Amino acid sequence: MIINKEGIRDPEGETIKNYIVNKVTDKVKEVRAGKYLSFSVDVKEESEAIELVKKIAYEDRLYNPIVHKIIVRAEKIENGGN
């Protein structure tokens, strides 16, 4: 996931909250929007998959590290199926 760092305005999240969420409830305090990217990699270890995706994201500038942060999670898929 690529999201804005804390302290950086999130106009998309603010718009979703103000024009959609607030019509339903006033209990939601904040909405943050971001990008969700899914990678399928062929590696032996979860840590190797995480480092590979972080390397791709940083070196190929999938995000701007000045204003964004990335969250990388790995999930092992047995036999290539779900």
PDB file of N, CA and C in Angstrom:
ATOM      1  N   MET A   1       0.848  -1.168   0.000  1.00  0.00           N
ATOM      2  CA  MET A   1       0.000   0.000   0.000  1.00  0.00           C
ATOM      3  C   MET A   1       0.896   1.233   0.000  1.00  0.00           C
ATOM      4  N   ILE A   2       0.450   2.235  -0.691  1.00  0.00           N
ATOM      5  CA  ILE A   2       1.154   3.512  -0.708  1.00  0.00           C
ATOM      6  C   ILE A   2       0.184   4.551  -0.166  1.00  0.00           C
ATOM      7  N   ILE A   3       0.561   5.175   0.942  1.00  0.00           N
ATOM      8  CA  ILE A   3      -0.303   6.175   1.567  1.00  0.00           C
ATOM      9  C   ILE A   3       0.512   7.410   1.918  1.00  0.00           C
ATOM     10  N   ASN A   4      -0.185   8.515   2.132  1.00  0.00           N
ATOM     11  CA  ASN A   4       0.503   9.732   2.558  1.00  0.00           C
ATOM     12  C   ASN A   4       1.040   9.553   3.966  1.00  0.00           C
ATOM     13  N   LYS A   5       2.201  10.130   4.222  1.00  0.00           N
ATOM     14  CA  LYS A   5       2.769  10.105   5.564  1.00  0.00           C
ATOM     15  C   LYS A   5       1.878  10.903   6.505  1.00  0.00           C
ATOM     16  N   GLU A   6       2.007  10.605   7.800  1.00  0.00           N
ATOM     17  CA  GLU A   6       1.284  11.370   8.807  1.00  0.00           C
ATOM     18  C   GLU A   6       1.693  12.834   8.692  1.00  0.00           C
ATOM     19  N   GLY A   7       0.747  13.727   8.841  1.00  0.00           N
ATOM     20  CA  GLY A   7       1.018  15.148   8.760  1.00  0.00           C
ATOM     21  C   GLY A   7       0.903  15.710   7.351  1.00  0.00           C
ATOM     22  N   ILE A   8       0.802  14.845   6.341  1.00  0.00           N
ATOM     23  CA  ILE A   8       0.615  15.281   4.960  1.00  0.00           C
ATOM     24  C   ILE A   8      -0.880  15.235   4.657  1.00  0.00           C
ATOM     25  N   ARG A   9      -1.426  16.331   4.137  1.00  0.00           N
ATOM     26  CA  ARG A   9      -2.850  16.367   3.787  1.00  0.00           C
ATOM     27  C   ARG A   9      -3.207  15.257   2.819  1.00  0.00           C
ATOM     28  N   ASP A  10      -4.402  14.749   2.964  1.00  0.00           N
ATOM     29  CA  ASP A  10      -4.912  13.709   2.078  1.00  0.00           C
ATOM     30  C   ASP A  10      -6.239  14.200   1.491  1.00  0.00           C
ATOM     31  N   PRO A  11      -6.192  15.025   0.428  1.00  0.00           N
ATOM     32  CA  PRO A  11      -7.408  15.598  -0.137  1.00  0.00           C
ATOM     33  C   PRO A  11      -8.425  14.546  -0.587  1.00  0.00           C
ATOM     34  N   GLU A  12      -7.945  13.428  -1.110  1.00  0.00           N
ATOM     35  CA  GLU A  12      -8.879  12.383  -1.546  1.00  0.00           C
ATOM     36  C   GLU A  12      -9.605  11.770  -0.350  1.00  0.00           C
ATOM     37  N   GLY A  13      -8.878  11.474   0.699  1.00  0.00           N
ATOM     38  CA  GLY A  13      -9.492  10.943   1.920  1.00  0.00           C
ATOM     39  C   GLY A  13     -10.455  11.932   2.547  1.00  0.00           C
ATOM     40  N   GLU A  14     -10.083  13.209   2.552  1.00  0.00           N
ATOM     41  CA  GLU A  14     -10.958  14.250   3.100  1.00  0.00           C
ATOM     42  C   GLU A  14     -12.266  14.344   2.310  1.00  0.00           C
ATOM     43  N   THR A  15     -12.168  14.258   0.988  1.00  0.00           N
ATOM     44  CA  THR A  15     -13.357  14.336   0.135  1.00  0.00           C
ATOM     45  C   THR A  15     -14.270  13.143   0.383  1.00  0.00           C
ATOM     46  N   ILE A  16     -13.704  11.948   0.481  1.00  0.00           N
ATOM     47  CA  ILE A  16     -14.507  10.751   0.753  1.00  0.00           C
ATOM     48  C   ILE A  16     -15.233  10.902   2.087  1.00  0.00           C
ATOM     49  N   LYS A  17     -14.523  11.373   3.101  1.00  0.00           N
ATOM     50  CA  LYS A  17     -15.143  11.549   4.416  1.00  0.00           C
ATOM     51  C   LYS A  17     -16.243  12.603   4.367  1.00  0.00           C
ATOM     52  N   ASN A  18     -15.958  13.753   3.785  1.00  0.00           N
ATOM     53  CA  ASN A  18     -16.911  14.866   3.803  1.00  0.00           C
ATOM     54  C   ASN A  18     -18.159  14.630   2.973  1.00  0.00           C
ATOM     55  N   TYR A  19     -18.033  13.962   1.847  1.00  0.00           N
ATOM     56  CA  TYR A  19     -19.163  13.845   0.934  1.00  0.00           C
ATOM     57  C   TYR A  19     -19.824  12.476   0.895  1.00  0.00           C
ATOM     58  N   ILE A  20     -19.192  11.468   1.490  1.00  0.00           N
ATOM     59  CA  ILE A  20     -19.793  10.132   1.485  1.00  0.00           C
ATOM     60  C   ILE A  20     -20.005   9.623   2.911  1.00  0.00           C
ATOM     61  N   VAL A  21     -18.932   9.509   3.668  1.00  0.00           N
ATOM     62  CA  VAL A  21     -19.006   8.928   5.007  1.00  0.00           C
ATOM     63  C   VAL A  21     -19.879   9.755   5.932  1.00  0.00           C
ATOM     64  N   ASN A  22     -19.721  11.074   5.913  1.00  0.00           N
ATOM     65  CA  ASN A  22     -20.481  11.926   6.831  1.00  0.00           C
ATOM     66  C   ASN A  22     -21.984  11.877   6.588  1.00  0.00           C
ATOM     67  N   LYS A  23     -22.419  11.407   5.418  1.00  0.00           N
ATOM     68  CA  LYS A  23     -23.850  11.239   5.156  1.00  0.00           C
ATOM     69  C   LYS A  23     -24.420  10.078   5.959  1.00  0.00           C
ATOM     70  N   VAL A  24     -23.554   9.148   6.335  1.00  0.00           N
ATOM     71  CA  VAL A  24     -23.984   7.941   7.033  1.00  0.00           C
ATOM     72  C   VAL A  24     -23.757   8.039   8.540  1.00  0.00           C
ATOM     73  N   THR A  25     -22.611   8.590   8.936  1.00  0.00           N
ATOM     74  CA  THR A  25     -22.263   8.620  10.356  1.00  0.00           C
ATOM     75  C   THR A  25     -21.301   9.759  10.654  1.00  0.00           C
ATOM     76  N   ASP A  26     -21.316  10.192  11.894  1.00  0.00           N
ATOM     77  CA  ASP A  26     -20.339  11.187  12.349  1.00  0.00           C
ATOM     78  C   ASP A  26     -19.294  10.550  13.258  1.00  0.00           C
ATOM     79  N   LYS A  27     -19.273   9.227  13.325  1.00  0.00           N
ATOM     80  CA  LYS A  27     -18.361   8.505  14.206  1.00  0.00           C
ATOM     81  C   LYS A  27     -16.990   8.247  13.568  1.00  0.00           C
ATOM     82  N   VAL A  28     -16.870   8.406  12.249  1.00  0.00           N
ATOM     83  CA  VAL A  28     -15.585   8.219  11.571  1.00  0.00           C
ATOM     84  C   VAL A  28     -14.813   9.527  11.668  1.00  0.00           C
ATOM     85  N   LYS A  29     -13.636   9.473  12.254  1.00  0.00           N
ATOM     86  CA  LYS A  29     -12.843  10.685  12.490  1.00  0.00           C
ATOM     87  C   LYS A  29     -11.935  11.045  11.329  1.00  0.00           C
ATOM     88  N   GLU A  30     -11.474  10.049  10.569  1.00  0.00           N
ATOM     89  CA  GLU A  30     -10.550  10.330   9.475  1.00  0.00           C
ATOM     90  C   GLU A  30     -10.633   9.215   8.431  1.00  0.00           C
ATOM     91  N   VAL A  31     -10.470   9.585   7.177  1.00  0.00           N
ATOM     92  CA  VAL A  31     -10.369   8.625   6.078  1.00  0.00           C
ATOM     93  C   VAL A  31      -9.064   8.931   5.346  1.00  0.00           C
ATOM     94  N   ARG A  32      -8.272   7.906   5.113  1.00  0.00           N
ATOM     95  CA  ARG A  32      -7.025   8.048   4.372  1.00  0.00           C
ATOM     96  C   ARG A  32      -7.149   7.219   3.103  1.00  0.00           C
ATOM     97  N   ALA A  33      -6.811   7.792   1.971  1.00  0.00           N
ATOM     98  CA  ALA A  33      -6.852   7.089   0.694  1.00  0.00           C
ATOM     99  C   ALA A  33      -5.431   6.754   0.266  1.00  0.00           C
ATOM    100  N   GLY A  34      -5.291   5.743  -0.544  1.00  0.00           N
ATOM    101  CA  GLY A  34      -3.977   5.356  -1.028  1.00  0.00           C
ATOM    102  C   GLY A  34      -4.089   4.442  -2.229  1.00  0.00           C
ATOM    103  N   LYS A  35      -2.968   3.851  -2.593  1.00  0.00           N
ATOM    104  CA  LYS A  35      -2.918   2.900  -3.702  1.00  0.00           C
ATOM    105  C   LYS A  35      -2.625   1.519  -3.149  1.00  0.00           C
ATOM    106  N   TYR A  36      -3.243   0.531  -3.756  1.00  0.00           N
ATOM    107  CA  TYR A  36      -2.998  -0.855  -3.386  1.00  0.00           C
ATOM    108  C   TYR A  36      -2.410  -1.554  -4.601  1.00  0.00           C
ATOM    109  N   LEU A  37      -1.211  -2.085  -4.459  1.00  0.00           N
ATOM    110  CA  LEU A  37      -0.552  -2.819  -5.536  1.00  0.00           C
ATOM    111  C   LEU A  37      -0.332  -4.251  -5.070  1.00  0.00           C
ATOM    112  N   SER A  38      -0.520  -5.203  -5.958  1.00  0.00           N
ATOM    113  CA  SER A  38      -0.326  -6.608  -5.623  1.00  0.00           C
ATOM    114  C   SER A  38       0.764  -7.190  -6.518  1.00  0.00           C
ATOM    115  N   PHE A  39       1.759  -7.811  -5.902  1.00  0.00           N
ATOM    116  CA  PHE A  39       2.858  -8.447  -6.620  1.00  0.00           C
ATOM    117  C   PHE A  39       2.819  -9.942  -6.320  1.00  0.00           C
ATOM    118  N   SER A  40       3.039 -10.743  -7.315  1.00  0.00           N
ATOM    119  CA  SER A  40       3.210 -12.180  -7.126  1.00  0.00           C
ATOM    120  C   SER A  40       4.662 -12.483  -7.463  1.00  0.00           C
ATOM    121  N   VAL A  41       5.423 -12.922  -6.467  1.00  0.00           N
ATOM    122  CA  VAL A  41       6.852 -13.154  -6.672  1.00  0.00           C
ATOM    123  C   VAL A  41       7.203 -14.603  -6.368  1.00  0.00           C
ATOM    124  N   ASP A  42       8.255 -15.086  -6.999  1.00  0.00           N
ATOM    125  CA  ASP A  42       8.706 -16.462  -6.831  1.00  0.00           C
ATOM    126  C   ASP A  42      10.000 -16.459  -6.031  1.00  0.00           C
ATOM    127  N   VAL A  43       9.871 -16.551  -4.716  1.00  0.00           N
ATOM    128  CA  VAL A  43      11.027 -16.574  -3.813  1.00  0.00           C
ATOM    129  C   VAL A  43      10.800 -17.634  -2.745  1.00  0.00           C
ATOM    130  N   LYS A  44      11.841 -17.947  -2.013  1.00  0.00           N
ATOM    131  CA  LYS A  44      11.754 -18.988  -0.979  1.00  0.00           C
ATOM    132  C   LYS A  44      11.226 -18.463   0.355  1.00  0.00           C
ATOM    133  N   GLU A  45      11.640 -17.257   0.729  1.00  0.00           N
ATOM    134  CA  GLU A  45      11.322 -16.723   2.055  1.00  0.00           C
ATOM    135  C   GLU A  45      10.456 -15.479   1.978  1.00  0.00           C
ATOM    136  N   GLU A  46       9.587 -15.321   2.957  1.00  0.00           N
ATOM    137  CA  GLU A  46       8.718 -14.136   3.053  1.00  0.00           C
ATOM    138  C   GLU A  46       9.544 -12.858   3.115  1.00  0.00           C
ATOM    139  N   SER A  47      10.626 -12.875   3.890  1.00  0.00           N
ATOM    140  CA  SER A  47      11.464 -11.680   4.038  1.00  0.00           C
ATOM    141  C   SER A  47      12.091 -11.279   2.701  1.00  0.00           C
ATOM    142  N   GLU A  48      12.425 -12.258   1.884  1.00  0.00           N
ATOM    143  CA  GLU A  48      12.991 -11.977   0.563  1.00  0.00           C
ATOM    144  C   GLU A  48      11.950 -11.299  -0.331  1.00  0.00           C
ATOM    145  N   ALA A  49      10.707 -11.749  -0.257  1.00  0.00           N
ATOM    146  CA  ALA A  49       9.630 -11.138  -1.038  1.00  0.00           C
ATOM    147  C   ALA A  49       9.411  -9.688  -0.623  1.00  0.00           C
ATOM    148  N   ILE A  50       9.400  -9.443   0.680  1.00  0.00           N
ATOM    149  CA  ILE A  50       9.191  -8.084   1.189  1.00  0.00           C
ATOM    150  C   ILE A  50      10.312  -7.163   0.731  1.00  0.00           C
ATOM    151  N   GLU A  51      11.548  -7.595   0.866  1.00  0.00           N
ATOM    152  CA  GLU A  51      12.687  -6.764   0.463  1.00  0.00           C
ATOM    153  C   GLU A  51      12.691  -6.506  -1.043  1.00  0.00           C
ATOM    154  N   LEU A  52      12.318  -7.512  -1.834  1.00  0.00           N
ATOM    155  CA  LEU A  52      12.279  -7.347  -3.282  1.00  0.00           C
ATOM    156  C   LEU A  52      11.248  -6.293  -3.688  1.00  0.00           C
ATOM    157  N   VAL A  53      10.062  -6.362  -3.105  1.00  0.00           N
ATOM    158  CA  VAL A  53       9.014  -5.393  -3.439  1.00  0.00           C
ATOM    159  C   VAL A  53       9.403  -3.992  -2.965  1.00  0.00           C
ATOM    160  N   LYS A  54      10.005  -3.890  -1.790  1.00  0.00           N
ATOM    161  CA  LYS A  54      10.474  -2.580  -1.314  1.00  0.00           C
ATOM    162  C   LYS A  54      11.526  -2.009  -2.260  1.00  0.00           C
ATOM    163  N   LYS A  55      12.425  -2.856  -2.738  1.00  0.00           N
ATOM    164  CA  LYS A  55      13.467  -2.414  -3.668  1.00  0.00           C
ATOM    165  C   LYS A  55      12.840  -1.897  -4.967  1.00  0.00           C
ATOM    166  N   ILE A  56      11.890  -2.641  -5.509  1.00  0.00           N
ATOM    167  CA  ILE A  56      11.200  -2.214  -6.733  1.00  0.00           C
ATOM    168  C   ILE A  56      10.506  -0.876  -6.504  1.00  0.00           C
ATOM    169  N   ALA A  57       9.788  -0.768  -5.398  1.00  0.00           N
ATOM    170  CA  ALA A  57       9.038   0.453  -5.103  1.00  0.00           C
ATOM    171  C   ALA A  57       9.957   1.659  -4.982  1.00  0.00           C
ATOM    172  N   TYR A  58      11.091   1.482  -4.332  1.00  0.00           N
ATOM    173  CA  TYR A  58      11.999   2.606  -4.122  1.00  0.00           C
ATOM    174  C   TYR A  58      12.805   2.934  -5.379  1.00  0.00           C
ATOM    175  N   GLU A  59      13.439   1.924  -5.957  1.00  0.00           N
ATOM    176  CA  GLU A  59      14.325   2.178  -7.098  1.00  0.00           C
ATOM    177  C   GLU A  59      13.571   2.610  -8.347  1.00  0.00           C
ATOM    178  N   ASP A  60      12.380   2.094  -8.528  1.00  0.00           N
ATOM    179  CA  ASP A  60      11.598   2.449  -9.718  1.00  0.00           C
ATOM    180  C   ASP A  60      10.582   3.551  -9.434  1.00  0.00           C
ATOM    181  N   ARG A  61      10.690   4.155  -8.247  1.00  0.00           N
ATOM    182  CA  ARG A  61       9.893   5.327  -7.870  1.00  0.00           C
ATOM    183  C   ARG A  61       8.382   5.095  -8.003  1.00  0.00           C
ATOM    184  N   LEU A  62       7.918   3.974  -7.460  1.00  0.00           N
ATOM    185  CA  LEU A  62       6.470   3.745  -7.430  1.00  0.00           C
ATOM    186  C   LEU A  62       5.783   4.675  -6.438  1.00  0.00           C
ATOM    187  N   TYR A  63       6.577   5.325  -5.612  1.00  0.00           N
ATOM    188  CA  TYR A  63       6.038   6.272  -4.641  1.00  0.00           C
ATOM    189  C   TYR A  63       7.062   7.382  -4.420  1.00  0.00           C
ATOM    190  N   ASN A  64       6.595   8.474  -3.833  1.00  0.00           N
ATOM    191  CA  ASN A  64       7.478   9.588  -3.505  1.00  0.00           C
ATOM    192  C   ASN A  64       7.811   9.492  -2.018  1.00  0.00           C
ATOM    193  N   PRO A  65       9.020   9.096  -1.657  1.00  0.00           N
ATOM    194  CA  PRO A  65       9.352   8.888  -0.247  1.00  0.00           C
ATOM    195  C   PRO A  65       9.311  10.154   0.604  1.00  0.00           C
ATOM    196  N   ILE A  66       9.230  11.299  -0.024  1.00  0.00           N
ATOM    197  CA  ILE A  66       9.135  12.547   0.748  1.00  0.00           C
ATOM    198  C   ILE A  66       7.746  12.698   1.363  1.00  0.00           C
ATOM    199  N   VAL A  67       6.706  12.331   0.624  1.00  0.00           N
ATOM    200  CA  VAL A  67       5.335  12.529   1.119  1.00  0.00           C
ATOM    201  C   VAL A  67       4.574  11.233   1.362  1.00  0.00           C
ATOM    202  N   HIS A  68       5.075  10.102   0.842  1.00  0.00           N
ATOM    203  CA  HIS A  68       4.378   8.834   0.988  1.00  0.00           C
ATOM    204  C   HIS A  68       5.163   7.860   1.846  1.00  0.00           C
ATOM    205  N   LYS A  69       4.448   6.896   2.364  1.00  0.00           N
ATOM    206  CA  LYS A  69       5.103   5.746   2.987  1.00  0.00           C
ATOM    207  C   LYS A  69       4.498   4.498   2.368  1.00  0.00           C
ATOM    208  N   ILE A  70       5.264   3.417   2.392  1.00  0.00           N
ATOM    209  CA  ILE A  70       4.751   2.166   1.851  1.00  0.00           C
ATOM    210  C   ILE A  70       4.588   1.159   2.984  1.00  0.00           C
ATOM    211  N   ILE A  71       3.619   0.304   2.825  1.00  0.00           N
ATOM    212  CA  ILE A  71       3.391  -0.809   3.736  1.00  0.00           C
ATOM    213  C   ILE A  71       3.417  -2.063   2.871  1.00  0.00           C
ATOM    214  N   VAL A  72       4.356  -2.949   3.150  1.00  0.00           N
ATOM    215  CA  VAL A  72       4.500  -4.169   2.361  1.00  0.00           C
ATOM    216  C   VAL A  72       4.168  -5.357   3.252  1.00  0.00           C
ATOM    217  N   ARG A  73       3.274  -6.194   2.768  1.00  0.00           N
ATOM    218  CA  ARG A  73       2.900  -7.422   3.482  1.00  0.00           C
ATOM    219  C   ARG A  73       3.097  -8.593   2.542  1.00  0.00           C
ATOM    220  N   ALA A  74       3.431  -9.732   3.108  1.00  0.00           N
ATOM    221  CA  ALA A  74       3.629 -10.934   2.295  1.00  0.00           C
ATOM    222  C   ALA A  74       2.648 -12.009   2.749  1.00  0.00           C
ATOM    223  N   GLU A  75       2.195 -12.775   1.791  1.00  0.00           N
ATOM    224  CA  GLU A  75       1.303 -13.887   2.063  1.00  0.00           C
ATOM    225  C   GLU A  75       1.760 -15.063   1.213  1.00  0.00           C
ATOM    226  N   LYS A  76       1.983 -16.187   1.845  1.00  0.00           N
ATOM    227  CA  LYS A  76       2.417 -17.374   1.108  1.00  0.00           C
ATOM    228  C   LYS A  76       1.189 -18.028   0.473  1.00  0.00           C
ATOM    229  N   ILE A  77       1.293 -18.302  -0.823  1.00  0.00           N
ATOM    230  CA  ILE A  77       0.215 -18.974  -1.548  1.00  0.00           C
ATOM    231  C   ILE A  77       0.713 -20.354  -1.940  1.00  0.00           C
ATOM    232  N   GLU A  78       0.085 -21.371  -1.407  1.00  0.00           N
ATOM    233  CA  GLU A  78       0.481 -22.745  -1.686  1.00  0.00           C
ATOM    234  C   GLU A  78       0.045 -23.153  -3.085  1.00  0.00           C
ATOM    235  N   ASN A  79       0.929 -23.810  -3.812  1.00  0.00           N
ATOM    236  CA  ASN A  79       0.634 -24.374  -5.142  1.00  0.00           C
ATOM    237  C   ASN A  79       0.106 -23.343  -6.129  1.00  0.00           C
ATOM    238  N   GLY A  80       0.413 -22.071  -5.933  1.00  0.00           N
ATOM    239  CA  GLY A  80      -0.002 -21.034  -6.879  1.00  0.00           C
ATOM    240  C   GLY A  80      -1.481 -20.754  -6.895  1.00  0.00           C
ATOM    241  N   GLY A  81      -2.248 -21.322  -5.985  1.00  0.00           N
ATOM    242  CA  GLY A  81      -3.694 -21.091  -5.937  1.00  0.00           C
ATOM    243  C   GLY A  81      -4.065 -20.219  -4.780  1.00  0.00           C
ATOM    244  N   ASN A  82      -5.351 -19.911  -4.667  1.00  0.00           N
ATOM    245  CA  ASN A  82      -5.808 -19.059  -3.569  1.00  0.00           C
ATOM    246  C   ASN A  82      -6.185 -19.848  -2.365  1.00  0.00           C
TER     247      ASN A  82
END
